[in-house]
Structures are given as C-alpha cells and as structure tokens.
N, C-alpha and C. Protein backbone atom coordinates (compact mmCIF):
# COMPACT_ATOMS: atom_id res chain seq x y z
N UNK A 1 65.66 136.75 140.26
CA UNK A 1 65.59 135.37 139.83
C UNK A 1 66.83 135.02 139.02
N UNK A 2 67.25 133.79 139.17
CA UNK A 2 68.41 133.30 138.42
C UNK A 2 67.92 132.58 137.17
N UNK A 3 68.45 132.94 136.02
CA UNK A 3 68.10 132.26 134.78
C UNK A 3 69.10 131.14 134.56
N UNK A 4 68.60 129.92 134.42
CA UNK A 4 69.44 128.74 134.27
C UNK A 4 69.82 128.56 132.81
N UNK A 5 71.09 128.77 132.51
CA UNK A 5 71.58 128.61 131.14
C UNK A 5 72.32 127.30 130.95
N UNK A 6 72.17 126.35 131.87
CA UNK A 6 72.92 125.10 131.79
C UNK A 6 72.19 124.00 131.04
N UNK A 7 71.08 124.27 130.44
CA UNK A 7 70.32 123.24 129.74
C UNK A 7 71.06 122.81 128.48
N UNK A 8 71.00 121.53 128.18
CA UNK A 8 71.80 120.98 127.09
C UNK A 8 71.38 121.50 125.72
N UNK A 9 70.13 121.88 125.54
CA UNK A 9 69.69 122.37 124.23
C UNK A 9 69.89 123.87 124.07
N UNK A 10 70.37 124.54 125.11
CA UNK A 10 70.69 125.95 125.01
C UNK A 10 69.55 126.90 125.28
N UNK A 11 68.34 126.41 125.49
CA UNK A 11 67.22 127.31 125.78
C UNK A 11 67.02 127.43 127.29
N UNK A 12 67.28 128.61 127.83
CA UNK A 12 67.14 128.81 129.28
C UNK A 12 65.69 129.04 129.67
N UNK A 13 65.44 129.03 130.97
CA UNK A 13 64.14 129.44 131.48
C UNK A 13 64.05 130.95 131.28
N UNK A 14 62.86 131.43 130.99
CA UNK A 14 62.63 132.85 130.71
C UNK A 14 61.68 133.44 131.75
N UNK A 15 61.92 134.68 132.16
CA UNK A 15 60.97 135.32 133.07
C UNK A 15 59.67 135.63 132.36
N UNK A 16 58.56 135.43 133.07
CA UNK A 16 57.24 135.72 132.52
C UNK A 16 56.34 136.14 133.67
N UNK A 17 55.60 137.23 133.49
CA UNK A 17 54.68 137.72 134.51
C UNK A 17 53.26 137.25 134.21
N UNK A 18 52.58 136.77 135.21
CA UNK A 18 51.20 136.32 135.08
C UNK A 18 50.32 137.49 134.67
N UNK A 19 49.41 137.25 133.73
CA UNK A 19 48.50 138.28 133.26
C UNK A 19 47.47 138.69 134.29
N UNK A 20 47.26 137.89 135.31
CA UNK A 20 46.26 138.22 136.34
C UNK A 20 46.86 138.97 137.52
N UNK A 21 47.93 138.43 138.10
CA UNK A 21 48.45 139.01 139.36
C UNK A 21 49.84 139.60 139.21
N UNK A 22 50.46 139.45 138.05
CA UNK A 22 51.80 139.97 137.75
C UNK A 22 52.92 139.25 138.49
N UNK A 23 52.63 138.10 139.11
CA UNK A 23 53.69 137.30 139.72
C UNK A 23 54.66 136.88 138.62
N UNK A 24 55.94 137.15 138.81
CA UNK A 24 56.93 136.79 137.79
C UNK A 24 57.60 135.47 138.16
N UNK A 25 57.54 134.53 137.23
CA UNK A 25 58.14 133.21 137.41
C UNK A 25 59.12 132.98 136.27
N UNK A 26 59.89 131.91 136.36
CA UNK A 26 60.73 131.48 135.25
C UNK A 26 60.01 130.32 134.56
N UNK A 27 59.99 130.37 133.23
CA UNK A 27 59.22 129.40 132.44
C UNK A 27 60.09 128.82 131.33
N UNK A 28 59.86 127.55 131.06
CA UNK A 28 60.50 126.90 129.91
C UNK A 28 59.51 125.90 129.35
N UNK A 29 59.25 125.99 128.05
CA UNK A 29 58.35 125.05 127.38
C UNK A 29 59.20 124.04 126.62
N UNK A 30 59.21 122.81 127.09
CA UNK A 30 59.92 121.76 126.38
C UNK A 30 59.13 121.28 125.18
N UNK A 31 57.80 121.33 125.29
CA UNK A 31 56.90 120.97 124.20
C UNK A 31 55.56 121.64 124.52
N UNK A 32 54.58 121.46 123.63
CA UNK A 32 53.27 122.02 123.93
C UNK A 32 52.65 121.36 125.15
N UNK A 33 53.04 120.13 125.42
CA UNK A 33 52.46 119.40 126.54
C UNK A 33 53.26 119.53 127.83
N UNK A 34 54.50 119.99 127.78
CA UNK A 34 55.35 120.02 128.98
C UNK A 34 55.89 121.43 129.22
N UNK A 35 55.63 121.93 130.43
CA UNK A 35 56.09 123.25 130.83
C UNK A 35 56.75 123.15 132.19
N UNK A 36 57.89 123.80 132.35
CA UNK A 36 58.56 123.90 133.64
C UNK A 36 58.38 125.31 134.16
N UNK A 37 57.99 125.43 135.42
CA UNK A 37 57.79 126.73 136.06
C UNK A 37 58.57 126.75 137.35
N UNK A 38 59.33 127.82 137.54
CA UNK A 38 60.11 127.98 138.76
C UNK A 38 59.59 129.20 139.51
N UNK A 39 59.07 128.96 140.71
CA UNK A 39 58.53 130.01 141.56
C UNK A 39 59.59 130.45 142.55
N UNK A 40 59.52 131.72 142.98
CA UNK A 40 60.33 132.16 144.10
C UNK A 40 59.38 132.67 145.19
N UNK A 41 59.90 133.13 146.29
CA UNK A 41 59.07 133.57 147.40
C UNK A 41 58.13 134.71 147.04
N UNK A 42 58.62 135.65 146.26
CA UNK A 42 57.79 136.81 145.89
C UNK A 42 56.64 136.39 144.98
N UNK A 43 56.93 135.58 143.97
CA UNK A 43 55.87 135.15 143.05
C UNK A 43 54.85 134.27 143.78
N UNK A 44 55.32 133.45 144.69
CA UNK A 44 54.41 132.61 145.48
C UNK A 44 53.46 133.47 146.30
N UNK A 45 53.99 134.54 146.90
CA UNK A 45 53.16 135.43 147.72
C UNK A 45 52.16 136.23 146.88
N UNK A 46 52.51 136.57 145.64
CA UNK A 46 51.64 137.37 144.78
C UNK A 46 50.50 136.58 144.14
N UNK A 47 50.68 135.30 143.94
CA UNK A 47 49.72 134.49 143.20
C UNK A 47 48.40 134.35 143.97
N UNK A 48 47.33 134.87 143.38
CA UNK A 48 46.01 134.82 144.01
C UNK A 48 45.50 133.38 144.12
N UNK A 49 45.80 132.54 143.14
CA UNK A 49 45.33 131.15 143.18
C UNK A 49 46.11 130.29 144.16
N UNK A 50 47.35 130.68 144.44
CA UNK A 50 48.17 129.92 145.39
C UNK A 50 47.80 130.25 146.81
N UNK A 51 47.28 131.45 147.02
CA UNK A 51 46.94 131.92 148.36
C UNK A 51 45.94 130.97 149.02
N UNK A 52 46.35 130.39 150.11
CA UNK A 52 45.48 129.50 150.86
C UNK A 52 45.42 128.08 150.36
N UNK A 53 46.05 127.77 149.23
CA UNK A 53 46.00 126.41 148.69
C UNK A 53 46.92 125.46 149.44
N UNK A 54 47.96 126.00 150.06
CA UNK A 54 48.89 125.17 150.81
C UNK A 54 49.52 124.10 149.94
N UNK A 55 49.63 122.89 150.48
CA UNK A 55 50.25 121.78 149.75
C UNK A 55 49.34 121.24 148.65
N UNK A 56 48.08 121.63 148.63
CA UNK A 56 47.13 121.13 147.65
C UNK A 56 47.19 121.90 146.33
N UNK A 57 48.10 122.87 146.20
CA UNK A 57 48.19 123.69 145.00
C UNK A 57 48.55 122.83 143.80
N UNK A 58 47.66 122.81 142.80
CA UNK A 58 47.87 121.98 141.61
C UNK A 58 48.30 122.80 140.41
N UNK A 59 48.43 124.09 140.57
CA UNK A 59 48.84 124.96 139.47
C UNK A 59 47.89 126.14 139.33
N UNK A 60 48.39 127.19 138.75
CA UNK A 60 47.63 128.42 138.59
C UNK A 60 47.05 128.48 137.18
N UNK A 61 45.74 128.50 137.08
CA UNK A 61 45.07 128.56 135.78
C UNK A 61 45.39 129.84 135.03
N UNK A 62 45.45 130.96 135.74
CA UNK A 62 45.76 132.24 135.08
C UNK A 62 47.18 132.22 134.52
N UNK A 63 48.12 131.67 135.27
CA UNK A 63 49.49 131.58 134.78
C UNK A 63 49.58 130.61 133.60
N UNK A 64 48.87 129.51 133.68
CA UNK A 64 48.84 128.53 132.58
C UNK A 64 48.35 129.22 131.30
N UNK A 65 47.29 130.03 131.41
CA UNK A 65 46.78 130.77 130.26
C UNK A 65 47.80 131.77 129.73
N UNK A 66 48.49 132.47 130.64
CA UNK A 66 49.51 133.44 130.25
C UNK A 66 50.65 132.75 129.49
N UNK A 67 51.08 131.59 129.99
CA UNK A 67 52.16 130.84 129.33
C UNK A 67 51.72 130.38 127.94
N UNK A 68 50.52 129.86 127.84
CA UNK A 68 50.00 129.39 126.54
C UNK A 68 49.97 130.55 125.54
N UNK A 69 49.45 131.69 125.95
CA UNK A 69 49.38 132.85 125.06
C UNK A 69 50.78 133.33 124.67
N UNK A 70 51.72 133.32 125.61
CA UNK A 70 53.10 133.73 125.30
C UNK A 70 53.72 132.78 124.29
N UNK A 71 53.44 131.49 124.41
CA UNK A 71 53.97 130.51 123.45
C UNK A 71 53.34 130.72 122.07
N UNK A 72 52.05 130.96 122.04
CA UNK A 72 51.37 131.19 120.76
C UNK A 72 51.90 132.44 120.05
N UNK A 73 52.22 133.48 120.83
CA UNK A 73 52.75 134.73 120.26
C UNK A 73 54.23 134.63 119.93
N UNK A 74 54.90 133.58 120.41
CA UNK A 74 56.33 133.44 120.19
C UNK A 74 57.18 134.18 121.21
N UNK A 75 56.54 134.65 122.29
CA UNK A 75 57.28 135.37 123.33
C UNK A 75 58.16 134.43 124.14
N UNK A 76 57.80 133.16 124.22
CA UNK A 76 58.66 132.14 124.81
C UNK A 76 58.82 131.02 123.78
N UNK A 77 60.02 130.47 123.73
CA UNK A 77 60.33 129.42 122.76
C UNK A 77 59.80 128.07 123.22
N UNK A 78 59.55 127.20 122.26
CA UNK A 78 59.19 125.82 122.55
C UNK A 78 60.32 124.96 122.03
N UNK A 79 60.96 124.22 122.92
CA UNK A 79 62.14 123.44 122.56
C UNK A 79 61.82 122.47 121.44
N UNK A 80 60.77 121.67 121.60
CA UNK A 80 60.41 120.68 120.58
C UNK A 80 58.97 120.93 120.16
N UNK A 81 58.77 121.83 119.21
CA UNK A 81 57.42 122.16 118.76
C UNK A 81 56.76 120.93 118.17
N UNK A 82 57.49 120.13 117.43
CA UNK A 82 56.98 118.89 116.89
C UNK A 82 55.78 119.02 115.98
N UNK A 83 55.36 120.25 115.72
CA UNK A 83 54.24 120.46 114.82
C UNK A 83 52.89 120.07 115.41
N UNK A 84 52.87 119.64 116.67
CA UNK A 84 51.62 119.20 117.28
C UNK A 84 50.71 120.33 117.68
N UNK A 85 51.24 121.50 117.84
CA UNK A 85 50.44 122.65 118.21
C UNK A 85 49.93 122.56 119.64
N UNK A 86 49.23 123.60 120.06
CA UNK A 86 48.77 123.65 121.45
C UNK A 86 47.69 122.62 121.73
N UNK A 87 47.66 122.15 122.96
CA UNK A 87 46.65 121.22 123.41
C UNK A 87 45.77 121.97 124.39
N UNK A 88 44.47 121.86 124.24
CA UNK A 88 43.53 122.59 125.10
C UNK A 88 43.52 122.03 126.49
C-alpha cells in the first residue's frame, strides 16, 4: 500500500488491520465524525462483510469498530479532535 504524505496538514493515511478479518487498509481520521478509508484488492478480498455485498457495500462494521478503538487508544491521529469526542 502507498501511504499518501501529500495532505496539507501533514497527517498521512496510516495502515490499520481490521480486528475481525485482518484486512489491512489505509485510514485517516479528519475528525471524530469523518474517516477516510482506502481499500486495495487484497483487503477487499479479505473483508468478510464485503464478501457478496457487491455495489451495495455500505461499510464494514468490524473495521469501523477497529478504527474507533484505534482512535480512542491514540494509535491513529485525529486531525481536528475539536474536543467533541467519539460519536456512537
């Protein structure tokens, strides 16, 4: 995977493996409410929730939980924390 370091605020996307299926994606949290996820062919094939969803795939709940936990632990940075904290 290519890590994009061209973002204006200097925080690149970070690799993160899903806690359920170990699919590794690139993640960037702009805020508690906004997350960017970049999938590649391997991570797409590994994701159990993506399997069979086709074009109707709305996101992986297990990966969403993994990202939230990583943000809470400080394993991934939040560009604009804004003090709002996580949203359920």
